[in-house]
Amino acid sequence: MSLLCLAAFAVEAGSQPLSDPDLFSSPWSAFRSYSFPDHYIRHRNYLGEVTRLGSNLDQLDSTFRVVKGLAGRVDGTPTVSFESKNFPAFYLRHHHFRIKLHKNDGSEIFRKDASFKWRPGLGASLEEGFNSLESVNFPGYYIRQRSDNPNEEAARVFHLYLEKSPPKTLNSEERHSPVSRWRRDCTFKRVRRR
């Protein structure tokens, strides 16, 4: 389900170039959670989640090909899409604000739902290599990990949603504030895989 801020970085930052110049050069990637460094974005039962990885299936479910966004450039900004390794032609996309793994049906809405702007990590002010993923068709909404109930959080299984960033007027400087937590939960690091 990042998959999900920079203290001085405005969430409404406008167009930013892709921060990784060779973003498309590595065939396979995984995305590690900033909030829980031993957890990765993965699909399970066609739903986006963030979990620990143990089995070979977990490894496959957390491996994606980063491709040029199916929606192309949006307002001059390049976009990215995430194709599953073990389900070719299936992409992470948002559907009713839940991140899911669906087969590309070729429709315009699918292309937009499966395309994201590659942003600097919202929750990693001093860390390099972290990014956040902003929706193409819902500007200001980002992929975020969250638990739906306390039992899941204890088990550290998180679901991925598309959520609107909190208002900038809320206090985001305090590390334990809800805004700071929200920003950390929408921040992920790309890890290259073979």
N, C-alpha and C. Protein backbone atom coordinates (compact mmCIF):
# COMPACT_ATOMS: atom_id res chain seq x y z
N MET A 1 0.28 -0.97 0.00
CA MET A 1 0.00 0.00 0.00
C MET A 1 0.28 0.98 0.00
N SER A 2 3.71 3.87 -0.46
CA SER A 2 4.27 4.62 0.04
C SER A 2 4.08 4.86 0.07
N LEU A 3 2.51 2.37 0.24
CA LEU A 3 4.27 3.43 -0.26
C LEU A 3 3.82 4.02 0.13
N LEU A 4 4.73 7.64 2.90
CA LEU A 4 3.92 7.60 1.95
C LEU A 4 4.11 9.06 1.04
N CYS A 5 7.83 15.89 6.14
CA CYS A 5 8.21 16.72 4.99
C CYS A 5 9.49 17.46 5.27
N LEU A 6 10.00 17.98 4.23
CA LEU A 6 11.08 18.94 4.41
C LEU A 6 10.49 20.12 5.16
N ALA A 7 11.15 20.53 6.21
CA ALA A 7 10.58 21.61 7.02
C ALA A 7 10.33 22.85 6.20
N ALA A 8 11.22 23.15 5.28
CA ALA A 8 11.07 24.37 4.50
C ALA A 8 10.42 24.11 3.16
N PHE A 9 10.08 22.85 2.88
CA PHE A 9 9.52 22.51 1.57
C PHE A 9 8.02 22.63 1.62
N ALA A 10 7.45 23.48 0.81
CA ALA A 10 6.00 23.61 0.76
C ALA A 10 5.43 22.42 0.01
N VAL A 11 4.38 21.84 0.54
CA VAL A 11 3.78 20.67 -0.09
C VAL A 11 3.29 21.04 -1.49
N GLU A 12 2.84 22.25 -1.64
CA GLU A 12 2.39 22.70 -2.95
C GLU A 12 3.57 23.28 -3.72
N ALA A 13 4.64 22.50 -3.87
CA ALA A 13 5.90 23.02 -4.39
C ALA A 13 5.88 23.33 -5.87
N GLY A 14 4.84 22.92 -6.57
CA GLY A 14 4.83 23.14 -8.01
C GLY A 14 5.74 22.15 -8.69
N SER A 15 6.11 22.44 -9.92
CA SER A 15 6.91 21.52 -10.70
C SER A 15 8.31 21.38 -10.14
N GLN A 16 8.71 20.15 -9.92
CA GLN A 16 10.06 19.84 -9.49
C GLN A 16 10.62 18.83 -10.47
N PRO A 17 11.88 18.94 -10.85
CA PRO A 17 12.45 17.93 -11.73
C PRO A 17 12.58 16.61 -10.99
N LEU A 18 12.62 15.51 -11.75
CA LEU A 18 12.88 14.23 -11.12
C LEU A 18 14.21 14.32 -10.41
N SER A 19 14.26 13.85 -9.16
CA SER A 19 15.48 14.01 -8.38
C SER A 19 16.53 12.96 -8.70
N ASP A 20 16.17 11.92 -9.42
CA ASP A 20 17.10 10.85 -9.75
C ASP A 20 17.30 10.86 -11.26
N PRO A 21 18.44 11.38 -11.75
CA PRO A 21 18.61 11.53 -13.19
C PRO A 21 18.58 10.21 -13.94
N ASP A 22 18.92 9.12 -13.29
CA ASP A 22 18.87 7.83 -13.98
C ASP A 22 17.70 6.99 -13.47
N LEU A 23 16.58 7.64 -13.22
CA LEU A 23 15.42 7.00 -12.64
C LEU A 23 14.99 5.76 -13.40
N PHE A 24 15.11 5.79 -14.72
CA PHE A 24 14.61 4.70 -15.53
C PHE A 24 15.71 3.73 -15.96
N SER A 25 16.94 3.92 -15.47
CA SER A 25 18.05 3.10 -15.94
C SER A 25 18.11 1.74 -15.26
N SER A 26 17.60 1.61 -14.07
CA SER A 26 17.63 0.33 -13.36
C SER A 26 16.31 -0.39 -13.61
N PRO A 27 16.38 -1.65 -14.06
CA PRO A 27 15.12 -2.30 -14.42
C PRO A 27 14.17 -2.54 -13.27
N TRP A 28 14.68 -2.83 -12.07
CA TRP A 28 13.79 -3.15 -10.95
C TRP A 28 14.15 -2.35 -9.70
N SER A 29 13.12 -1.99 -8.95
CA SER A 29 13.31 -1.21 -7.73
C SER A 29 12.32 -1.65 -6.66
N ALA A 30 12.70 -1.36 -5.41
CA ALA A 30 11.79 -1.50 -4.28
C ALA A 30 11.76 -0.15 -3.57
N PHE A 31 10.77 0.06 -2.71
CA PHE A 31 10.61 1.34 -2.05
C PHE A 31 10.45 1.13 -0.55
N ARG A 32 11.48 1.58 0.20
CA ARG A 32 11.56 1.40 1.64
C ARG A 32 10.87 2.55 2.35
N SER A 33 10.14 2.22 3.40
CA SER A 33 9.44 3.22 4.20
C SER A 33 10.42 4.04 5.02
N TYR A 34 10.19 5.33 5.10
CA TYR A 34 10.99 6.19 5.96
C TYR A 34 10.62 5.96 7.43
N SER A 35 9.32 5.81 7.70
CA SER A 35 8.86 5.64 9.08
C SER A 35 9.30 4.31 9.68
N PHE A 36 9.32 3.25 8.86
CA PHE A 36 9.69 1.92 9.31
C PHE A 36 10.71 1.36 8.33
N PRO A 37 12.01 1.58 8.57
CA PRO A 37 13.05 1.25 7.59
C PRO A 37 13.15 -0.22 7.19
N ASP A 38 12.52 -1.11 7.94
CA ASP A 38 12.54 -2.53 7.55
C ASP A 38 11.25 -2.94 6.83
N HIS A 39 10.47 -1.96 6.37
CA HIS A 39 9.21 -2.19 5.66
C HIS A 39 9.30 -1.63 4.24
N TYR A 40 8.61 -2.28 3.32
CA TYR A 40 8.65 -1.88 1.90
C TYR A 40 7.24 -1.84 1.32
N ILE A 41 7.08 -0.96 0.32
CA ILE A 41 5.85 -0.97 -0.46
C ILE A 41 5.77 -2.30 -1.19
N ARG A 42 4.58 -2.90 -1.17
CA ARG A 42 4.37 -4.14 -1.91
C ARG A 42 2.88 -4.28 -2.22
N HIS A 43 2.56 -5.21 -3.10
CA HIS A 43 1.16 -5.54 -3.33
C HIS A 43 0.88 -6.90 -2.71
N ARG A 44 -0.33 -7.05 -2.20
CA ARG A 44 -0.77 -8.34 -1.67
C ARG A 44 -2.28 -8.39 -1.88
N ASN A 45 -2.73 -9.45 -2.55
CA ASN A 45 -4.16 -9.57 -2.90
C ASN A 45 -4.63 -8.34 -3.68
N TYR A 46 -3.75 -7.82 -4.52
CA TYR A 46 -4.03 -6.67 -5.40
C TYR A 46 -4.24 -5.36 -4.65
N LEU A 47 -3.79 -5.30 -3.41
CA LEU A 47 -3.86 -4.07 -2.63
C LEU A 47 -2.45 -3.61 -2.28
N GLY A 48 -2.23 -2.30 -2.26
CA GLY A 48 -0.94 -1.75 -1.87
C GLY A 48 -0.79 -1.77 -0.37
N GLU A 49 0.35 -2.29 0.10
CA GLU A 49 0.65 -2.36 1.52
C GLU A 49 2.10 -1.98 1.76
N VAL A 50 2.44 -1.79 3.02
CA VAL A 50 3.82 -1.60 3.46
C VAL A 50 4.04 -2.61 4.58
N THR A 51 4.94 -3.57 4.36
CA THR A 51 5.18 -4.64 5.32
C THR A 51 6.66 -4.99 5.37
N ARG A 52 7.02 -5.82 6.36
CA ARG A 52 8.32 -6.46 6.35
C ARG A 52 8.32 -7.50 5.23
N LEU A 53 9.51 -7.86 4.77
CA LEU A 53 9.63 -8.86 3.72
C LEU A 53 10.32 -10.08 4.28
N GLY A 54 9.78 -11.25 4.02
CA GLY A 54 10.39 -12.46 4.52
C GLY A 54 10.61 -13.50 3.42
N SER A 55 9.58 -13.78 2.67
CA SER A 55 9.63 -14.86 1.68
C SER A 55 10.05 -14.35 0.31
N ASN A 56 10.30 -15.29 -0.59
CA ASN A 56 10.58 -14.93 -1.98
C ASN A 56 9.39 -14.22 -2.60
N LEU A 57 8.17 -14.65 -2.24
CA LEU A 57 6.97 -13.99 -2.75
C LEU A 57 6.91 -12.53 -2.28
N ASP A 58 7.26 -12.29 -1.01
CA ASP A 58 7.31 -10.91 -0.50
C ASP A 58 8.26 -10.07 -1.34
N GLN A 59 9.42 -10.64 -1.66
CA GLN A 59 10.41 -9.92 -2.47
C GLN A 59 9.84 -9.58 -3.84
N LEU A 60 9.20 -10.56 -4.48
CA LEU A 60 8.60 -10.32 -5.80
C LEU A 60 7.49 -9.27 -5.72
N ASP A 61 6.63 -9.40 -4.69
CA ASP A 61 5.51 -8.46 -4.56
C ASP A 61 5.97 -7.04 -4.28
N SER A 62 7.21 -6.86 -3.85
CA SER A 62 7.71 -5.51 -3.53
C SER A 62 8.65 -4.99 -4.61
N THR A 63 8.71 -5.65 -5.75
CA THR A 63 9.62 -5.25 -6.82
C THR A 63 8.82 -4.67 -7.99
N PHE A 64 9.22 -3.48 -8.41
CA PHE A 64 8.51 -2.76 -9.47
C PHE A 64 9.50 -2.20 -10.48
N ARG A 65 9.03 -2.06 -11.69
CA ARG A 65 9.78 -1.34 -12.72
C ARG A 65 9.25 0.09 -12.73
N VAL A 66 10.15 1.06 -12.55
CA VAL A 66 9.76 2.46 -12.63
C VAL A 66 9.79 2.84 -14.11
N VAL A 67 8.65 3.24 -14.64
CA VAL A 67 8.55 3.60 -16.05
C VAL A 67 8.06 5.04 -16.16
N LYS A 68 8.27 5.61 -17.34
CA LYS A 68 7.74 6.95 -17.57
C LYS A 68 6.24 6.89 -17.36
N GLY A 69 5.72 7.90 -16.70
CA GLY A 69 4.32 7.92 -16.32
C GLY A 69 3.39 7.64 -17.48
N LEU A 70 2.40 6.78 -17.24
CA LEU A 70 1.44 6.44 -18.29
C LEU A 70 0.67 7.67 -18.75
N ALA A 71 0.57 8.68 -17.88
CA ALA A 71 -0.13 9.92 -18.24
C ALA A 71 0.80 10.92 -18.94
N GLY A 72 2.08 10.57 -19.10
CA GLY A 72 3.03 11.48 -19.74
C GLY A 72 3.38 12.64 -18.82
N ARG A 73 3.79 13.75 -19.44
CA ARG A 73 4.11 14.95 -18.67
C ARG A 73 2.81 15.66 -18.30
N VAL A 74 2.78 16.20 -17.09
CA VAL A 74 1.60 16.93 -16.62
C VAL A 74 2.06 18.31 -16.21
N ASP A 75 1.52 19.32 -16.85
CA ASP A 75 1.93 20.71 -16.58
C ASP A 75 3.44 20.86 -16.69
N GLY A 76 4.04 20.16 -17.65
CA GLY A 76 5.48 20.25 -17.88
C GLY A 76 6.31 19.39 -16.95
N THR A 77 5.66 18.70 -16.00
CA THR A 77 6.38 17.87 -15.04
C THR A 77 6.35 16.41 -15.48
N PRO A 78 7.52 15.76 -15.54
CA PRO A 78 7.51 14.32 -15.87
C PRO A 78 6.84 13.53 -14.75
N THR A 79 6.23 12.41 -15.11
CA THR A 79 5.58 11.56 -14.12
C THR A 79 6.16 10.15 -14.21
N VAL A 80 5.86 9.34 -13.19
CA VAL A 80 6.33 7.96 -13.15
C VAL A 80 5.15 7.03 -12.87
N SER A 81 5.30 5.79 -13.31
CA SER A 81 4.35 4.72 -13.00
C SER A 81 5.15 3.52 -12.52
N PHE A 82 4.47 2.60 -11.81
CA PHE A 82 5.14 1.48 -11.17
C PHE A 82 4.51 0.16 -11.64
N GLU A 83 5.24 -0.56 -12.49
CA GLU A 83 4.77 -1.83 -13.03
C GLU A 83 5.28 -2.98 -12.16
N SER A 84 4.40 -3.90 -11.82
CA SER A 84 4.75 -5.04 -10.99
C SER A 84 5.68 -6.00 -11.73
N LYS A 85 6.66 -6.56 -11.00
CA LYS A 85 7.56 -7.55 -11.61
C LYS A 85 6.85 -8.87 -11.84
N ASN A 86 6.08 -9.32 -10.86
CA ASN A 86 5.46 -10.63 -11.00
C ASN A 86 4.07 -10.60 -11.64
N PHE A 87 3.58 -9.41 -11.95
CA PHE A 87 2.34 -9.26 -12.70
C PHE A 87 2.57 -8.22 -13.80
N PRO A 88 3.25 -8.60 -14.89
CA PRO A 88 3.52 -7.63 -15.97
C PRO A 88 2.23 -7.01 -16.48
N ALA A 89 2.32 -5.73 -16.82
CA ALA A 89 1.19 -4.91 -17.31
C ALA A 89 0.22 -4.55 -16.19
N PHE A 90 0.54 -4.89 -14.93
CA PHE A 90 -0.23 -4.45 -13.77
C PHE A 90 0.55 -3.33 -13.10
N TYR A 91 -0.17 -2.27 -12.71
CA TYR A 91 0.47 -1.08 -12.15
C TYR A 91 -0.18 -0.69 -10.83
N LEU A 92 0.62 -0.06 -9.95
CA LEU A 92 0.03 0.56 -8.78
C LEU A 92 -0.77 1.77 -9.24
N ARG A 93 -1.97 1.89 -8.72
CA ARG A 93 -2.82 3.05 -9.05
C ARG A 93 -3.73 3.31 -7.86
N HIS A 94 -4.30 4.51 -7.82
CA HIS A 94 -5.29 4.76 -6.78
C HIS A 94 -6.67 4.53 -7.36
N HIS A 95 -7.52 3.96 -6.53
CA HIS A 95 -8.90 3.67 -6.93
C HIS A 95 -9.75 3.90 -5.68
N HIS A 96 -10.59 4.92 -5.72
CA HIS A 96 -11.36 5.34 -4.53
C HIS A 96 -10.41 5.63 -3.36
N PHE A 97 -9.26 6.24 -3.69
CA PHE A 97 -8.25 6.70 -2.72
C PHE A 97 -7.52 5.57 -2.02
N ARG A 98 -7.67 4.36 -2.47
CA ARG A 98 -6.90 3.21 -1.98
C ARG A 98 -5.90 2.83 -3.07
N ILE A 99 -4.64 2.54 -2.71
CA ILE A 99 -3.66 2.12 -3.69
C ILE A 99 -3.87 0.63 -3.96
N LYS A 100 -3.99 0.31 -5.26
CA LYS A 100 -4.28 -1.06 -5.68
C LYS A 100 -3.37 -1.43 -6.84
N LEU A 101 -3.30 -2.71 -7.12
CA LEU A 101 -2.57 -3.21 -8.28
C LEU A 101 -3.61 -3.66 -9.30
N HIS A 102 -3.65 -2.96 -10.44
CA HIS A 102 -4.62 -3.27 -11.48
C HIS A 102 -3.93 -3.41 -12.83
N LYS A 103 -4.56 -4.19 -13.69
CA LYS A 103 -4.06 -4.34 -15.05
C LYS A 103 -4.39 -3.07 -15.83
N ASN A 104 -3.44 -2.64 -16.64
CA ASN A 104 -3.64 -1.45 -17.46
C ASN A 104 -4.73 -1.73 -18.48
N ASP A 105 -5.83 -0.99 -18.39
CA ASP A 105 -6.93 -1.17 -19.34
C ASP A 105 -6.86 -0.19 -20.50
N GLY A 106 -5.81 0.66 -20.50
CA GLY A 106 -5.62 1.60 -21.60
C GLY A 106 -6.46 2.86 -21.52
N SER A 107 -7.30 2.98 -20.52
CA SER A 107 -8.18 4.16 -20.42
C SER A 107 -7.41 5.37 -19.91
N GLU A 108 -7.93 6.54 -20.20
CA GLU A 108 -7.31 7.78 -19.73
C GLU A 108 -7.33 7.86 -18.21
N ILE A 109 -8.43 7.43 -17.59
CA ILE A 109 -8.50 7.50 -16.13
C ILE A 109 -7.48 6.56 -15.49
N PHE A 110 -7.28 5.38 -16.07
CA PHE A 110 -6.27 4.48 -15.54
C PHE A 110 -4.89 5.12 -15.65
N ARG A 111 -4.56 5.70 -16.81
CA ARG A 111 -3.25 6.32 -17.00
C ARG A 111 -3.00 7.40 -15.95
N LYS A 112 -4.01 8.19 -15.66
CA LYS A 112 -3.85 9.25 -14.65
C LYS A 112 -3.76 8.67 -13.25
N ASP A 113 -4.61 7.68 -12.94
CA ASP A 113 -4.60 7.08 -11.60
C ASP A 113 -3.29 6.36 -11.31
N ALA A 114 -2.59 5.90 -12.36
CA ALA A 114 -1.35 5.14 -12.18
C ALA A 114 -0.10 5.99 -12.39
N SER A 115 -0.26 7.30 -12.47
CA SER A 115 0.88 8.20 -12.69
C SER A 115 1.05 9.14 -11.50
N PHE A 116 2.31 9.35 -11.14
CA PHE A 116 2.62 10.17 -9.96
C PHE A 116 3.78 11.10 -10.26
N LYS A 117 3.75 12.25 -9.62
CA LYS A 117 4.89 13.18 -9.71
C LYS A 117 5.91 12.77 -8.65
N TRP A 118 7.15 12.66 -9.06
CA TRP A 118 8.27 12.23 -8.20
C TRP A 118 8.75 13.47 -7.46
N ARG A 119 8.45 13.56 -6.17
CA ARG A 119 8.75 14.76 -5.38
C ARG A 119 9.86 14.48 -4.36
N PRO A 120 10.57 15.52 -3.92
CA PRO A 120 11.51 15.34 -2.80
C PRO A 120 10.75 14.80 -1.59
N GLY A 121 11.40 13.97 -0.79
CA GLY A 121 10.74 13.35 0.36
C GLY A 121 10.17 14.37 1.32
N LEU A 122 8.89 14.31 1.57
CA LEU A 122 8.23 15.29 2.43
C LEU A 122 8.63 15.15 3.89
N GLY A 123 9.03 13.96 4.31
CA GLY A 123 9.32 13.73 5.71
C GLY A 123 10.79 13.59 6.04
N ALA A 124 11.67 13.83 5.08
CA ALA A 124 13.10 13.57 5.29
C ALA A 124 13.90 14.83 5.00
N SER A 125 13.83 15.80 5.89
CA SER A 125 14.42 17.11 5.60
C SER A 125 15.92 17.07 5.36
N LEU A 126 16.64 16.21 6.05
CA LEU A 126 18.08 16.20 5.90
C LEU A 126 18.59 14.93 5.24
N GLU A 127 17.72 14.07 4.83
CA GLU A 127 18.11 12.78 4.26
C GLU A 127 18.05 12.84 2.74
N GLU A 128 19.06 12.25 2.10
CA GLU A 128 19.07 12.20 0.65
C GLU A 128 18.47 10.90 0.18
N GLY A 129 17.90 10.93 -1.00
CA GLY A 129 17.40 9.73 -1.62
C GLY A 129 15.98 9.37 -1.26
N PHE A 130 15.30 10.18 -0.47
CA PHE A 130 13.90 9.90 -0.14
C PHE A 130 12.99 10.72 -1.04
N ASN A 131 11.87 10.13 -1.40
CA ASN A 131 10.93 10.79 -2.27
C ASN A 131 9.50 10.57 -1.79
N SER A 132 8.61 11.42 -2.28
CA SER A 132 7.18 11.27 -2.07
C SER A 132 6.52 11.26 -3.43
N LEU A 133 5.34 10.68 -3.49
CA LEU A 133 4.66 10.46 -4.77
C LEU A 133 3.31 11.17 -4.77
N GLU A 134 3.24 12.24 -5.58
CA GLU A 134 2.02 13.05 -5.65
C GLU A 134 1.15 12.60 -6.81
N SER A 135 -0.13 12.50 -6.57
CA SER A 135 -1.09 12.09 -7.60
C SER A 135 -1.11 13.09 -8.75
N VAL A 136 -1.27 12.57 -9.95
CA VAL A 136 -1.40 13.42 -11.14
C VAL A 136 -2.78 14.07 -11.18
N ASN A 137 -3.82 13.28 -10.94
CA ASN A 137 -5.17 13.82 -11.10
C ASN A 137 -5.78 14.35 -9.80
N PHE A 138 -5.04 14.25 -8.70
CA PHE A 138 -5.45 14.87 -7.44
C PHE A 138 -4.25 15.63 -6.87
N PRO A 139 -3.92 16.79 -7.42
CA PRO A 139 -2.76 17.54 -6.92
C PRO A 139 -2.88 17.80 -5.42
N GLY A 140 -1.74 17.66 -4.71
CA GLY A 140 -1.74 17.84 -3.27
C GLY A 140 -2.07 16.58 -2.51
N TYR A 141 -2.37 15.49 -3.22
CA TYR A 141 -2.62 14.19 -2.59
C TYR A 141 -1.40 13.30 -2.84
N TYR A 142 -0.98 12.58 -1.81
CA TYR A 142 0.23 11.76 -1.88
C TYR A 142 -0.06 10.33 -1.43
N ILE A 143 0.75 9.39 -1.94
CA ILE A 143 0.68 8.02 -1.44
C ILE A 143 1.18 8.03 0.00
N ARG A 144 0.36 7.46 0.90
CA ARG A 144 0.71 7.44 2.32
C ARG A 144 0.38 6.08 2.92
N GLN A 145 1.26 5.62 3.81
CA GLN A 145 0.99 4.39 4.55
C GLN A 145 0.26 4.73 5.83
N ARG A 146 -0.71 3.89 6.19
CA ARG A 146 -1.37 4.09 7.48
C ARG A 146 -2.02 2.78 7.90
N SER A 147 -2.21 2.66 9.19
CA SER A 147 -2.86 1.49 9.76
C SER A 147 -4.34 1.79 9.93
N ASP A 148 -5.17 0.82 9.62
CA ASP A 148 -6.62 1.02 9.78
C ASP A 148 -7.11 0.69 11.18
N ASN A 149 -6.30 -0.04 11.95
CA ASN A 149 -6.69 -0.33 13.32
C ASN A 149 -5.43 -0.59 14.15
N PRO A 150 -5.54 -0.45 15.47
CA PRO A 150 -4.36 -0.60 16.33
C PRO A 150 -3.69 -1.97 16.23
N ASN A 151 -4.46 -3.02 16.00
CA ASN A 151 -3.86 -4.36 15.90
C ASN A 151 -2.91 -4.45 14.71
N GLU A 152 -3.29 -3.85 13.58
CA GLU A 152 -2.41 -3.87 12.41
C GLU A 152 -1.14 -3.07 12.69
N GLU A 153 -1.27 -1.96 13.39
CA GLU A 153 -0.07 -1.17 13.67
C GLU A 153 0.88 -1.96 14.57
N ALA A 154 0.33 -2.71 15.51
CA ALA A 154 1.18 -3.54 16.36
C ALA A 154 1.90 -4.59 15.51
N ALA A 155 1.22 -5.10 14.50
CA ALA A 155 1.82 -6.09 13.61
C ALA A 155 2.66 -5.41 12.52
N ARG A 156 2.57 -4.09 12.47
CA ARG A 156 3.28 -3.29 11.49
C ARG A 156 2.95 -3.70 10.06
N VAL A 157 1.67 -3.80 9.81
CA VAL A 157 1.16 -3.96 8.45
C VAL A 157 0.38 -2.68 8.16
N PHE A 158 0.78 -1.99 7.11
CA PHE A 158 0.15 -0.72 6.78
C PHE A 158 -0.45 -0.81 5.38
N HIS A 159 -1.56 -0.11 5.19
CA HIS A 159 -2.20 -0.03 3.89
C HIS A 159 -1.79 1.28 3.23
N LEU A 160 -1.80 1.29 1.91
CA LEU A 160 -1.44 2.50 1.16
C LEU A 160 -2.71 3.20 0.67
N TYR A 161 -2.75 4.49 0.92
CA TYR A 161 -3.87 5.32 0.50
C TYR A 161 -3.34 6.55 -0.23
N LEU A 162 -4.23 7.20 -0.93
CA LEU A 162 -3.94 8.51 -1.50
C LEU A 162 -4.61 9.51 -0.58
N GLU A 163 -3.80 10.39 0.05
CA GLU A 163 -4.34 11.32 1.03
C GLU A 163 -3.89 12.74 0.76
N LYS A 164 -4.78 13.68 1.08
CA LYS A 164 -4.49 15.10 0.91
C LYS A 164 -3.52 15.55 2.00
N SER A 165 -2.58 16.37 1.60
CA SER A 165 -1.62 16.90 2.58
C SER A 165 -2.33 17.80 3.58
N PRO A 166 -1.87 17.80 4.84
CA PRO A 166 -2.48 18.66 5.85
C PRO A 166 -2.26 20.13 5.50
N PRO A 167 -3.12 21.00 6.00
CA PRO A 167 -2.93 22.43 5.74
C PRO A 167 -1.58 22.91 6.25
N LYS A 168 -0.97 23.82 5.51
CA LYS A 168 0.33 24.37 5.92
C LYS A 168 0.23 25.18 7.20
N THR A 169 -0.98 25.60 7.56
CA THR A 169 -1.14 26.42 8.76
C THR A 169 -0.97 25.60 10.04
N LEU A 170 -1.10 24.26 9.95
CA LEU A 170 -0.90 23.45 11.14
C LEU A 170 0.58 23.42 11.50
N ASN A 171 0.88 23.29 12.78
CA ASN A 171 2.26 23.26 13.23
C ASN A 171 2.93 21.97 12.74
N SER A 172 3.90 22.13 11.84
CA SER A 172 4.58 20.96 11.29
C SER A 172 6.02 20.87 11.75
N GLU A 173 6.46 21.81 12.57
CA GLU A 173 7.85 21.80 13.03
C GLU A 173 8.09 20.76 14.12
N GLU A 174 7.08 20.51 14.92
CA GLU A 174 7.20 19.54 16.01
C GLU A 174 7.26 18.13 15.44
N ARG A 175 8.33 17.38 15.77
CA ARG A 175 8.53 16.04 15.17
C ARG A 175 7.37 15.09 15.43
N HIS A 176 6.73 15.20 16.57
CA HIS A 176 5.66 14.27 16.92
C HIS A 176 4.28 14.82 16.59
N SER A 177 4.21 15.92 15.87
CA SER A 177 2.91 16.46 15.49
C SER A 177 2.26 15.56 14.45
N PRO A 178 0.94 15.59 14.35
CA PRO A 178 0.25 14.79 13.33
C PRO A 178 0.73 15.13 11.91
N VAL A 179 1.04 16.39 11.65
CA VAL A 179 1.50 16.78 10.32
C VAL A 179 2.86 16.15 10.03
N SER A 180 3.76 16.22 11.01
CA SER A 180 5.08 15.63 10.83
C SER A 180 4.96 14.12 10.61
N ARG A 181 4.12 13.46 11.37
CA ARG A 181 3.90 12.01 11.19
C ARG A 181 3.34 11.72 9.80
N TRP A 182 2.36 12.52 9.37
CA TRP A 182 1.77 12.34 8.04
C TRP A 182 2.86 12.43 6.97
N ARG A 183 3.73 13.41 7.09
CA ARG A 183 4.77 13.61 6.08
C ARG A 183 5.77 12.45 6.07
N ARG A 184 6.14 11.95 7.24
CA ARG A 184 7.04 10.80 7.29
C ARG A 184 6.39 9.58 6.64
N ASP A 185 5.10 9.42 6.86
CA ASP A 185 4.39 8.25 6.34
C ASP A 185 4.15 8.30 4.84
N CYS A 186 4.48 9.39 4.20
CA CYS A 186 4.37 9.44 2.73
C CYS A 186 5.74 9.63 2.10
N THR A 187 6.77 9.15 2.79
CA THR A 187 8.15 9.29 2.32
C THR A 187 8.79 7.91 2.19
N PHE A 188 9.42 7.67 1.03
CA PHE A 188 9.98 6.36 0.72
C PHE A 188 11.33 6.52 0.02
N LYS A 189 12.17 5.50 0.15
CA LYS A 189 13.47 5.51 -0.50
C LYS A 189 13.53 4.40 -1.54
N ARG A 190 13.96 4.76 -2.72
CA ARG A 190 14.11 3.77 -3.79
C ARG A 190 15.36 2.93 -3.55
N VAL A 191 15.21 1.61 -3.66
CA VAL A 191 16.31 0.66 -3.53
C VAL A 191 16.35 -0.13 -4.83
N ARG A 192 17.49 -0.11 -5.50
CA ARG A 192 17.57 -0.83 -6.76
C ARG A 192 17.67 -2.33 -6.52
N ARG A 193 17.01 -3.07 -7.39
CA ARG A 193 17.06 -4.54 -7.32
C ARG A 193 17.43 -5.10 -8.68
N ARG A 194 17.84 -6.37 -8.69
CA ARG A 194 18.16 -7.05 -9.95
C ARG A 194 16.96 -7.75 -10.48
